[in-house]
Amino acid sequence: MTADETALGATLRAWRDRISPAAAGLPTGRARRAKGLRREELAELAGISVDYVVRLEQGRATTPSAQVAAALARALRLTDAERDHLYRLAGLVPPAGGEISDHIPPGLRRLLNRLDDTAAAVFAADWHLIWWNRGWAGLLGDPSSTPPQLRNFARDTFSTDGEGPRLSHWPVTSLAQDTVESAVVSDLRRATGRFPGSTRLTDLIHGLATSSERFAELWASGAVGAHREDHKIVEHPAVGPIAVDCDVMTDGDAERKIVILTAAPDTEDETKFRLAVLSGVPDVARG
């Protein structure tokens, strides 16, 4: 596939071809040569000229305004992901979301339910814990005993209230704490670009910047990034210290973080990890 086939014009043609007049709310009429919408129909639905539609599809116009991009997205019945792709192809910043979502879509839940041999959890874009499995509860303690509003990894990372971490019931030590702190802050700054209207995110950042000098210092650096991995020591009360690898994956535009903890295979840590996971509270998966 060439670059031309994935450019704005070709993508618009593909979207126009796939939508029927009926789906767009237009009369079907008699025999049609066009597979989907005609160019003049798309122009009418979007409130732009036919000539401009032609120039866009032929690649002679490549930078439509945000207003035109929004009109095309509505006319073509694009999904949110497709709309954002249209904006990016046009060199525009996709429309920002409002409040951060704690929703976990069915497809992600099916995937999570297959991670029985790991300790797994899902965090929202602001690092609020929204789901965990039995293995997570076995390794770190059941988070359900922590009030929901306090189940936040960023808050735990920069806790200054003397209460210590709330997401683990026993000590967990990062082998690269400075790196983790920087990564969490830069990840939160990235989230503000995706959710500039989120009161929850704004309140969290303001609270952390006010209570933690370390957070305020890192926030002032302006870094933007993501937290991807860490190595930790879990001081498990039943099996002793366990060295675990922490991997973080980001799920889609909602910026959910899927965090998976594992131990190196064929090691004493793996044996202790499995024992800890098996000690998890039955039916603990929440969200």
C-alpha atoms as a PDB file:
ATOM      1  CA  MET A   1       0.000   0.000   0.000  1.00  0.00           C
ATOM      2  CA  THR A   2       1.406   3.393  -0.999  1.00  0.00           C
ATOM      3  CA  ALA A   3       1.309   6.623   0.947  1.00  0.00           C
ATOM      4  CA  ASP A   4      -1.211   7.988  -1.566  1.00  0.00           C
ATOM      5  CA  GLU A   5      -3.613   5.180  -0.677  1.00  0.00           C
ATOM      6  CA  THR A   6      -3.604   6.165   2.971  1.00  0.00           C
ATOM      7  CA  ALA A   7      -3.650   9.936   2.450  1.00  0.00           C
ATOM      8  CA  LEU A   8      -6.586  12.221   3.175  1.00  0.00           C
ATOM      9  CA  GLY A   9      -8.118  12.101  -0.306  1.00  0.00           C
ATOM     10  CA  ALA A  10      -8.066   8.312  -0.642  1.00  0.00           C
ATOM     11  CA  THR A  11      -9.428   7.894   2.872  1.00  0.00           C
ATOM     12  CA  LEU A  12     -12.317  10.284   2.192  1.00  0.00           C
ATOM     13  CA  ARG A  13     -13.158   8.369  -1.009  1.00  0.00           C
ATOM     14  CA  ALA A  14     -13.168   5.081   0.894  1.00  0.00           C
ATOM     15  CA  TRP A  15     -15.478   6.485   3.569  1.00  0.00           C
ATOM     16  CA  ARG A  16     -17.776   8.033   0.932  1.00  0.00           C
ATOM     17  CA  ASP A  17     -17.985   4.765  -0.986  1.00  0.00           C
ATOM     18  CA  ARG A  18     -19.016   2.726   2.042  1.00  0.00           C
ATOM     19  CA  ILE A  19     -21.981   4.832   3.214  1.00  0.00           C
ATOM     20  CA  SER A  20     -25.332   4.381   1.494  1.00  0.00           C
ATOM     21  CA  PRO A  21     -27.727   7.263   0.799  1.00  0.00           C
ATOM     22  CA  ALA A  22     -30.246   5.657   3.142  1.00  0.00           C
ATOM     23  CA  ALA A  23     -27.687   5.572   5.979  1.00  0.00           C
ATOM     24  CA  ALA A  24     -27.003   9.248   5.340  1.00  0.00           C
ATOM     25  CA  GLY A  25     -30.719  10.077   5.408  1.00  0.00           C
ATOM     26  CA  LEU A  26     -31.005  10.655   1.651  1.00  0.00           C
ATOM     27  CA  PRO A  27     -33.585   9.153  -0.760  1.00  0.00           C
ATOM     28  CA  THR A  28     -32.162   6.180  -2.633  1.00  0.00           C
ATOM     29  CA  GLY A  29     -33.719   7.060  -5.998  1.00  0.00           C
ATOM     30  CA  ARG A  30     -33.306   4.838  -9.015  1.00  0.00           C
ATOM     31  CA  ALA A  31     -30.267   3.028 -10.377  1.00  0.00           C
ATOM     32  CA  ARG A  32     -26.989   4.504  -9.189  1.00  0.00           C
ATOM     33  CA  ARG A  33     -23.500   4.114 -10.536  1.00  0.00           C
ATOM     34  CA  ALA A  34     -21.877   5.326  -7.343  1.00  0.00           C
ATOM     35  CA  LYS A  35     -21.172   2.610  -4.776  1.00  0.00           C
ATOM     36  CA  GLY A  36     -21.948   4.919  -1.887  1.00  0.00           C
ATOM     37  CA  LEU A  37     -22.572   8.640  -1.722  1.00  0.00           C
ATOM     38  CA  ARG A  38     -22.032  10.822  -4.766  1.00  0.00           C
ATOM     39  CA  ARG A  39     -19.627  13.709  -4.359  1.00  0.00           C
ATOM     40  CA  GLU A  40     -22.456  16.214  -4.687  1.00  0.00           C
ATOM     41  CA  GLU A  41     -24.377  14.381  -1.963  1.00  0.00           C
ATOM     42  CA  LEU A  42     -21.430  14.502   0.395  1.00  0.00           C
ATOM     43  CA  ALA A  43     -20.967  18.189  -0.404  1.00  0.00           C
ATOM     44  CA  GLU A  44     -24.632  18.878   0.362  1.00  0.00           C
ATOM     45  CA  LEU A  45     -24.534  16.960   3.645  1.00  0.00           C
ATOM     46  CA  ALA A  46     -21.323  18.691   4.748  1.00  0.00           C
ATOM     47  CA  GLY A  47     -22.334  22.149   3.562  1.00  0.00           C
ATOM     48  CA  ILE A  48     -19.320  22.620   1.291  1.00  0.00           C
ATOM     49  CA  SER A  49     -18.888  22.955  -2.452  1.00  0.00           C
ATOM     50  CA  VAL A  50     -18.646  19.979  -4.773  1.00  0.00           C
ATOM     51  CA  ASP A  51     -15.449  21.477  -6.199  1.00  0.00           C
ATOM     52  CA  TYR A  52     -13.875  21.423  -2.732  1.00  0.00           C
ATOM     53  CA  VAL A  53     -14.837  17.768  -2.243  1.00  0.00           C
ATOM     54  CA  VAL A  54     -13.206  16.988  -5.604  1.00  0.00           C
ATOM     55  CA  ARG A  55     -10.027  18.841  -4.666  1.00  0.00           C
ATOM     56  CA  LEU A  56      -9.857  17.072  -1.304  1.00  0.00           C
ATOM     57  CA  GLU A  57     -10.263  13.637  -2.858  1.00  0.00           C
ATOM     58  CA  GLN A  58      -7.748  14.361  -5.598  1.00  0.00           C
ATOM     59  CA  GLY A  59      -5.166  15.600  -3.127  1.00  0.00           C
ATOM     60  CA  ARG A  60      -5.183  19.168  -4.440  1.00  0.00           C
ATOM     61  CA  ALA A  61      -6.499  20.376  -1.077  1.00  0.00           C
ATOM     62  CA  THR A  62      -5.000  18.742   2.006  1.00  0.00           C
ATOM     63  CA  THR A  63      -5.632  21.117   4.915  1.00  0.00           C
ATOM     64  CA  PRO A  64      -9.361  21.581   5.491  1.00  0.00           C
ATOM     65  CA  SER A  65     -10.361  23.697   8.466  1.00  0.00           C
ATOM     66  CA  ALA A  66     -11.536  22.169  11.718  1.00  0.00           C
ATOM     67  CA  GLN A  67     -15.087  23.238  10.839  1.00  0.00           C
ATOM     68  CA  VAL A  68     -14.929  21.423   7.485  1.00  0.00           C
ATOM     69  CA  ALA A  69     -13.372  18.337   9.075  1.00  0.00           C
ATOM     70  CA  ALA A  70     -16.175  18.236  11.661  1.00  0.00           C
ATOM     71  CA  ALA A  71     -18.809  18.610   8.943  1.00  0.00           C
ATOM     72  CA  LEU A  72     -17.270  15.807   6.889  1.00  0.00           C
ATOM     73  CA  ALA A  73     -17.100  13.550   9.949  1.00  0.00           C
ATOM     74  CA  ARG A  74     -20.815  14.104  10.625  1.00  0.00           C
ATOM     75  CA  ALA A  75     -21.793  13.617   6.989  1.00  0.00           C
ATOM     76  CA  LEU A  76     -19.777  10.411   6.677  1.00  0.00           C
ATOM     77  CA  ARG A  77     -21.074   9.018  10.003  1.00  0.00           C
ATOM     78  CA  LEU A  78     -17.540   8.465  11.280  1.00  0.00           C
ATOM     79  CA  THR A  79     -16.785   6.792  14.591  1.00  0.00           C
ATOM     80  CA  ASP A  80     -14.790   8.773  17.162  1.00  0.00           C
ATOM     81  CA  ALA A  81     -11.608   6.938  16.162  1.00  0.00           C
ATOM     82  CA  GLU A  82     -12.238   7.620  12.462  1.00  0.00           C
ATOM     83  CA  ARG A  83     -13.036  11.268  13.173  1.00  0.00           C
ATOM     84  CA  ASP A  84      -9.767  11.665  15.057  1.00  0.00           C
ATOM     85  CA  HIS A  85      -7.919   9.998  12.170  1.00  0.00           C
ATOM     86  CA  LEU A  86      -9.517  12.450   9.739  1.00  0.00           C
ATOM     87  CA  TYR A  87      -8.335  15.379  11.859  1.00  0.00           C
ATOM     88  CA  ARG A  88      -4.787  14.030  11.998  1.00  0.00           C
ATOM     89  CA  LEU A  89      -4.669  13.458   8.238  1.00  0.00           C
ATOM     90  CA  ALA A  90      -5.737  17.072   7.840  1.00  0.00           C
ATOM     91  CA  GLY A  91      -2.956  18.240  10.157  1.00  0.00           C
ATOM     92  CA  LEU A  92      -5.421  19.145  12.911  1.00  0.00           C
ATOM     93  CA  VAL A  93      -5.578  18.266  16.604  1.00  0.00           C
ATOM     94  CA  PRO A  94      -8.543  15.920  17.204  1.00  0.00           C
ATOM     95  CA  PRO A  95     -11.352  17.296  19.373  1.00  0.00           C
ATOM     96  CA  ALA A  96     -10.545  16.802  23.023  1.00  0.00           C
ATOM     97  CA  GLY A  97     -12.665  14.616  25.234  1.00  0.00           C
ATOM     98  CA  GLY A  98     -14.469  15.913  28.281  1.00  0.00           C
ATOM     99  CA  GLU A  99     -14.276  13.985  31.529  1.00  0.00           C
ATOM    100  CA  ILE A 100     -12.063  10.925  31.964  1.00  0.00           C
ATOM    101  CA  SER A 101     -13.939   7.664  31.567  1.00  0.00           C
ATOM    102  CA  ASP A 102     -13.793   4.720  33.972  1.00  0.00           C
ATOM    103  CA  HIS A 103     -15.611   2.496  31.476  1.00  0.00           C
ATOM    104  CA  ILE A 104     -13.952  -0.752  30.383  1.00  0.00           C
ATOM    105  CA  PRO A 105     -15.273  -1.936  26.993  1.00  0.00           C
ATOM    106  CA  PRO A 106     -16.360  -5.583  26.562  1.00  0.00           C
ATOM    107  CA  GLY A 107     -13.423  -6.489  24.318  1.00  0.00           C
ATOM    108  CA  LEU A 108     -10.908  -5.352  26.900  1.00  0.00           C
ATOM    109  CA  ARG A 109     -12.766  -7.217  29.644  1.00  0.00           C
ATOM    110  CA  ARG A 110     -12.578 -10.441  27.612  1.00  0.00           C
ATOM    111  CA  LEU A 111      -8.834  -9.963  27.263  1.00  0.00           C
ATOM    112  CA  LEU A 112      -8.391  -9.216  30.961  1.00  0.00           C
ATOM    113  CA  ASN A 113     -10.327 -12.311  31.947  1.00  0.00           C
ATOM    114  CA  ARG A 114      -7.665 -14.418  30.188  1.00  0.00           C
ATOM    115  CA  LEU A 115      -4.851 -13.092  32.380  1.00  0.00           C
ATOM    116  CA  ASP A 116      -5.439 -15.461  35.276  1.00  0.00           C
ATOM    117  CA  ASP A 117      -1.757 -16.341  35.708  1.00  0.00           C
ATOM    118  CA  THR A 118      -0.710 -12.712  36.166  1.00  0.00           C
ATOM    119  CA  ALA A 119      -1.438  -9.879  38.533  1.00  0.00           C
ATOM    120  CA  ALA A 120      -3.312  -7.376  36.362  1.00  0.00           C
ATOM    121  CA  ALA A 121      -5.100  -4.083  36.904  1.00  0.00           C
ATOM    122  CA  VAL A 122      -6.570  -1.270  34.825  1.00  0.00           C
ATOM    123  CA  PHE A 123      -6.157   2.403  35.617  1.00  0.00           C
ATOM    124  CA  ALA A 124      -7.990   5.341  34.056  1.00  0.00           C
ATOM    125  CA  ALA A 125      -6.131   8.188  32.341  1.00  0.00           C
ATOM    126  CA  ASP A 126      -5.557   9.884  35.703  1.00  0.00           C
ATOM    127  CA  TRP A 127      -4.136   6.706  37.260  1.00  0.00           C
ATOM    128  CA  HIS A 128      -7.338   5.937  39.152  1.00  0.00           C
ATOM    129  CA  LEU A 129      -7.686   2.180  39.725  1.00  0.00           C
ATOM    130  CA  ILE A 130     -10.847   0.898  38.006  1.00  0.00           C
ATOM    131  CA  TRP A 131     -10.320  -2.893  37.764  1.00  0.00           C
ATOM    132  CA  TRP A 132      -8.098  -5.631  39.169  1.00  0.00           C
ATOM    133  CA  ASN A 133      -8.006  -9.404  39.093  1.00  0.00           C
ATOM    134  CA  ARG A 134      -7.593 -12.078  41.744  1.00  0.00           C
ATOM    135  CA  GLY A 135      -3.837 -12.242  41.138  1.00  0.00           C
ATOM    136  CA  TRP A 136      -3.447  -8.520  41.809  1.00  0.00           C
ATOM    137  CA  ALA A 137      -5.300  -8.868  45.113  1.00  0.00           C
ATOM    138  CA  GLY A 138      -3.171 -11.874  46.056  1.00  0.00           C
ATOM    139  CA  LEU A 139       0.108 -10.159  45.270  1.00  0.00           C
ATOM    140  CA  LEU A 140      -0.592  -6.685  46.689  1.00  0.00           C
ATOM    141  CA  GLY A 141      -3.673  -7.063  48.887  1.00  0.00           C
ATOM    142  CA  ASP A 142      -7.336  -6.511  48.023  1.00  0.00           C
ATOM    143  CA  PRO A 143      -7.878  -2.848  46.970  1.00  0.00           C
ATOM    144  CA  SER A 144     -11.590  -3.053  47.764  1.00  0.00           C
ATOM    145  CA  SER A 145     -10.805  -2.206  51.382  1.00  0.00           C
ATOM    146  CA  THR A 146      -9.458   1.188  50.246  1.00  0.00           C
ATOM    147  CA  PRO A 147     -12.083   3.917  49.704  1.00  0.00           C
ATOM    148  CA  PRO A 148     -12.663   4.322  45.925  1.00  0.00           C
ATOM    149  CA  GLN A 149     -11.591   7.979  45.872  1.00  0.00           C
ATOM    150  CA  LEU A 150      -8.177   7.023  47.269  1.00  0.00           C
ATOM    151  CA  ARG A 151      -7.392   4.277  44.754  1.00  0.00           C
ATOM    152  CA  ASN A 152      -4.994   6.368  42.686  1.00  0.00           C
ATOM    153  CA  PHE A 153      -1.432   5.416  41.784  1.00  0.00           C
ATOM    154  CA  ALA A 154      -0.302   9.007  41.164  1.00  0.00           C
ATOM    155  CA  ARG A 155      -1.562   9.993  44.606  1.00  0.00           C
ATOM    156  CA  ASP A 156       0.201   6.968  46.118  1.00  0.00           C
ATOM    157  CA  THR A 157       3.438   7.849  44.323  1.00  0.00           C
ATOM    158  CA  PHE A 158       3.558  11.353  45.798  1.00  0.00           C
ATOM    159  CA  SER A 159       1.794  10.688  49.097  1.00  0.00           C
ATOM    160  CA  THR A 160       2.722  13.136  51.844  1.00  0.00           C
ATOM    161  CA  ASP A 161      -0.129  12.516  54.299  1.00  0.00           C
ATOM    162  CA  GLY A 162       1.815  10.021  56.384  1.00  0.00           C
ATOM    163  CA  GLU A 163      -0.634   7.243  55.559  1.00  0.00           C
ATOM    164  CA  GLY A 164       1.615   5.677  52.923  1.00  0.00           C
ATOM    165  CA  PRO A 165       0.441   3.896  49.769  1.00  0.00           C
ATOM    166  CA  ARG A 166      -3.208   2.865  49.613  1.00  0.00           C
ATOM    167  CA  LEU A 167      -3.065   0.465  46.656  1.00  0.00           C
ATOM    168  CA  SER A 168      -0.812  -2.094  48.321  1.00  0.00           C
ATOM    169  CA  HIS A 169      -1.300  -3.575  51.783  1.00  0.00           C
ATOM    170  CA  TRP A 170       2.407  -4.226  52.328  1.00  0.00           C
ATOM    171  CA  PRO A 171       5.626  -2.544  51.196  1.00  0.00           C
ATOM    172  CA  VAL A 172       6.390  -2.361  47.484  1.00  0.00           C
ATOM    173  CA  THR A 173       9.701  -0.817  46.438  1.00  0.00           C
ATOM    174  CA  SER A 174      10.464   0.440  42.949  1.00  0.00           C
ATOM    175  CA  LEU A 175      14.042  -0.151  41.781  1.00  0.00           C
ATOM    176  CA  ALA A 176      13.863   3.112  39.806  1.00  0.00           C
ATOM    177  CA  GLN A 177      11.660   5.381  41.904  1.00  0.00           C
ATOM    178  CA  ASP A 178      12.906   8.653  40.385  1.00  0.00           C
ATOM    179  CA  THR A 179      12.180   7.353  36.888  1.00  0.00           C
ATOM    180  CA  VAL A 180       8.712   6.208  37.894  1.00  0.00           C
ATOM    181  CA  GLU A 181       7.908   9.579  39.462  1.00  0.00           C
ATOM    182  CA  SER A 182       9.013  11.425  36.323  1.00  0.00           C
ATOM    183  CA  ALA A 183       7.057   9.033  34.112  1.00  0.00           C
ATOM    184  CA  VAL A 184       3.839   9.377  36.103  1.00  0.00           C
ATOM    185  CA  VAL A 185       4.002  13.174  36.027  1.00  0.00           C
ATOM    186  CA  SER A 186       4.760  13.312  32.306  1.00  0.00           C
ATOM    187  CA  ASP A 187       1.928  10.845  31.715  1.00  0.00           C
ATOM    188  CA  LEU A 188      -0.504  13.070  33.621  1.00  0.00           C
ATOM    189  CA  ARG A 189       0.587  16.054  31.544  1.00  0.00           C
ATOM    190  CA  ARG A 190      -0.113  14.049  28.396  1.00  0.00           C
ATOM    191  CA  ALA A 191      -3.576  13.269  29.777  1.00  0.00           C
ATOM    192  CA  THR A 192      -4.295  17.003  30.112  1.00  0.00           C
ATOM    193  CA  GLY A 193      -3.870  17.291  26.354  1.00  0.00           C
ATOM    194  CA  ARG A 194      -6.391  14.517  25.792  1.00  0.00           C
ATOM    195  CA  PHE A 195      -8.814  15.629  28.534  1.00  0.00           C
ATOM    196  CA  PRO A 196      -8.372  19.396  28.978  1.00  0.00           C
ATOM    197  CA  GLY A 197     -11.937  19.660  30.292  1.00  0.00           C
ATOM    198  CA  SER A 198     -11.598  17.002  32.993  1.00  0.00           C
ATOM    199  CA  THR A 199     -12.349  18.428  36.417  1.00  0.00           C
ATOM    200  CA  ARG A 200     -11.189  15.205  38.045  1.00  0.00           C
ATOM    201  CA  LEU A 201      -7.780  15.413  36.385  1.00  0.00           C
ATOM    202  CA  THR A 202      -7.393  19.123  37.088  1.00  0.00           C
ATOM    203  CA  ASP A 203      -8.258  18.637  40.765  1.00  0.00           C
ATOM    204  CA  LEU A 204      -5.798  15.744  41.093  1.00  0.00           C
ATOM    205  CA  ILE A 205      -2.922  17.716  39.566  1.00  0.00           C
ATOM    206  CA  HIS A 206      -3.694  20.792  41.638  1.00  0.00           C
ATOM    207  CA  GLY A 207      -3.843  18.728  44.818  1.00  0.00           C
ATOM    208  CA  LEU A 208      -0.559  16.964  44.107  1.00  0.00           C
ATOM    209  CA  ALA A 209       1.227  20.169  43.098  1.00  0.00           C
ATOM    210  CA  THR A 210       0.050  21.804  46.310  1.00  0.00           C
ATOM    211  CA  SER A 211       0.937  18.953  48.662  1.00  0.00           C
ATOM    212  CA  SER A 212       4.118  17.556  47.085  1.00  0.00           C
ATOM    213  CA  GLU A 213       7.215  19.612  46.313  1.00  0.00           C
ATOM    214  CA  ARG A 214       8.590  16.725  44.282  1.00  0.00           C
ATOM    215  CA  PHE A 215       5.477  16.624  42.085  1.00  0.00           C
ATOM    216  CA  ALA A 216       5.522  20.403  41.657  1.00  0.00           C
ATOM    217  CA  GLU A 217       9.185  20.296  40.631  1.00  0.00           C
ATOM    218  CA  LEU A 218       8.581  17.571  38.047  1.00  0.00           C
ATOM    219  CA  TRP A 219       5.424  19.242  36.762  1.00  0.00           C
ATOM    220  CA  ALA A 220       7.327  22.488  36.190  1.00  0.00           C
ATOM    221  CA  SER A 221       9.689  20.661  33.813  1.00  0.00           C
ATOM    222  CA  GLY A 222       6.887  20.386  31.243  1.00  0.00           C
ATOM    223  CA  ALA A 223       7.833  16.852  30.181  1.00  0.00           C
ATOM    224  CA  VAL A 224       5.240  14.828  28.239  1.00  0.00           C
ATOM    225  CA  GLY A 225       5.441  11.056  28.040  1.00  0.00           C
ATOM    226  CA  ALA A 226       4.121   7.762  29.378  1.00  0.00           C
ATOM    227  CA  HIS A 227       4.892   5.283  32.137  1.00  0.00           C
ATOM    228  CA  ARG A 228       5.874   2.025  30.419  1.00  0.00           C
ATOM    229  CA  GLU A 229       7.739  -0.278  32.784  1.00  0.00           C
ATOM    230  CA  ASP A 230       9.262  -0.756  36.199  1.00  0.00           C
ATOM    231  CA  HIS A 231      10.902  -3.400  38.364  1.00  0.00           C
ATOM    232  CA  LYS A 232       9.657  -3.784  41.919  1.00  0.00           C
ATOM    233  CA  ILE A 233      10.199  -5.755  45.095  1.00  0.00           C
ATOM    234  CA  VAL A 234       6.977  -6.837  46.798  1.00  0.00           C
ATOM    235  CA  GLU A 235       7.397  -7.647  50.502  1.00  0.00           C
ATOM    236  CA  HIS A 236       4.674 -10.274  50.607  1.00  0.00           C
ATOM    237  CA  PRO A 237       3.732 -11.272  54.182  1.00  0.00           C
ATOM    238  CA  ALA A 238       3.126 -14.938  53.345  1.00  0.00           C
ATOM    239  CA  VAL A 239       5.933 -15.831  50.925  1.00  0.00           C
ATOM    240  CA  GLY A 240       8.582 -13.145  51.488  1.00  0.00           C
ATOM    241  CA  PRO A 241      10.113 -10.668  49.023  1.00  0.00           C
ATOM    242  CA  ILE A 242       9.252 -11.134  45.335  1.00  0.00           C
ATOM    243  CA  ALA A 243      11.023  -9.404  42.460  1.00  0.00           C
ATOM    244  CA  VAL A 244       8.445  -8.551  39.789  1.00  0.00           C
ATOM    245  CA  ASP A 245       8.452  -6.888  36.395  1.00  0.00           C
ATOM    246  CA  CYS A 246       5.822  -4.213  35.795  1.00  0.00           C
ATOM    247  CA  ASP A 247       4.679  -3.544  32.233  1.00  0.00           C
ATOM    248  CA  VAL A 248       2.217  -0.813  31.304  1.00  0.00           C
ATOM    249  CA  MET A 249       0.193  -0.739  28.091  1.00  0.00           C
ATOM    250  CA  THR A 250      -2.093   2.105  27.017  1.00  0.00           C
ATOM    251  CA  ASP A 251      -5.494   1.231  25.597  1.00  0.00           C
ATOM    252  CA  GLY A 252      -6.834   3.545  22.918  1.00  0.00           C
ATOM    253  CA  ASP A 253      -7.921   7.168  23.052  1.00  0.00           C
ATOM    254  CA  ALA A 254      -9.402   6.752  26.533  1.00  0.00           C
ATOM    255  CA  GLU A 255      -5.785   6.453  27.759  1.00  0.00           C
ATOM    256  CA  ARG A 256      -6.586   3.512  30.037  1.00  0.00           C
ATOM    257  CA  LYS A 257      -3.449   1.882  31.445  1.00  0.00           C
ATOM    258  CA  ILE A 258      -3.282  -1.908  31.625  1.00  0.00           C
ATOM    259  CA  VAL A 259      -0.681  -2.821  34.237  1.00  0.00           C
ATOM    260  CA  ILE A 260       0.623  -6.384  34.358  1.00  0.00           C
ATOM    261  CA  LEU A 261       2.963  -7.729  37.037  1.00  0.00           C
ATOM    262  CA  THR A 262       4.940 -10.905  36.397  1.00  0.00           C
ATOM    263  CA  ALA A 263       8.044 -12.653  37.731  1.00  0.00           C
ATOM    264  CA  ALA A 264      10.983 -13.932  35.708  1.00  0.00           C
ATOM    265  CA  PRO A 265      10.329 -17.521  34.552  1.00  0.00           C
ATOM    266  CA  ASP A 266      12.062 -20.481  36.172  1.00  0.00           C
ATOM    267  CA  THR A 267      13.157 -18.519  39.234  1.00  0.00           C
ATOM    268  CA  GLU A 268      12.418 -18.597  42.939  1.00  0.00           C
ATOM    269  CA  ASP A 269      10.580 -15.327  42.425  1.00  0.00           C
ATOM    270  CA  GLU A 270       8.213 -17.027  39.982  1.00  0.00           C
ATOM    271  CA  THR A 271       7.468 -19.779  42.514  1.00  0.00           C
ATOM    272  CA  LYS A 272       6.710 -17.226  45.231  1.00  0.00           C
ATOM    273  CA  PHE A 273       4.723 -15.129  42.753  1.00  0.00           C
ATOM    274  CA  ARG A 274       2.466 -18.078  41.915  1.00  0.00           C
ATOM    275  CA  LEU A 275       1.919 -18.819  45.595  1.00  0.00           C
ATOM    276  CA  ALA A 276       1.022 -15.190  46.250  1.00  0.00           C
ATOM    277  CA  VAL A 277      -1.351 -15.037  43.282  1.00  0.00           C
ATOM    278  CA  LEU A 278      -3.096 -18.202  44.459  1.00  0.00           C
ATOM    279  CA  SER A 279      -3.718 -16.553  47.809  1.00  0.00           C
ATOM    280  CA  GLY A 280      -5.875 -13.880  46.144  1.00  0.00           C
ATOM    281  CA  VAL A 281      -9.405 -13.228  47.349  1.00  0.00           C
ATOM    282  CA  PRO A 282     -11.912 -15.310  45.316  1.00  0.00           C
ATOM    283  CA  ASP A 283     -14.082 -13.425  42.844  1.00  0.00           C
ATOM    284  CA  VAL A 284     -12.236 -10.206  43.559  1.00  0.00           C
ATOM    285  CA  ALA A 285     -12.242  -8.739  40.034  1.00  0.00           C
ATOM    286  CA  ARG A 286     -13.921  -5.359  40.321  1.00  0.00           C
ATOM    287  CA  GLY A 287     -14.460  -2.325  38.187  1.00  0.00           C
END
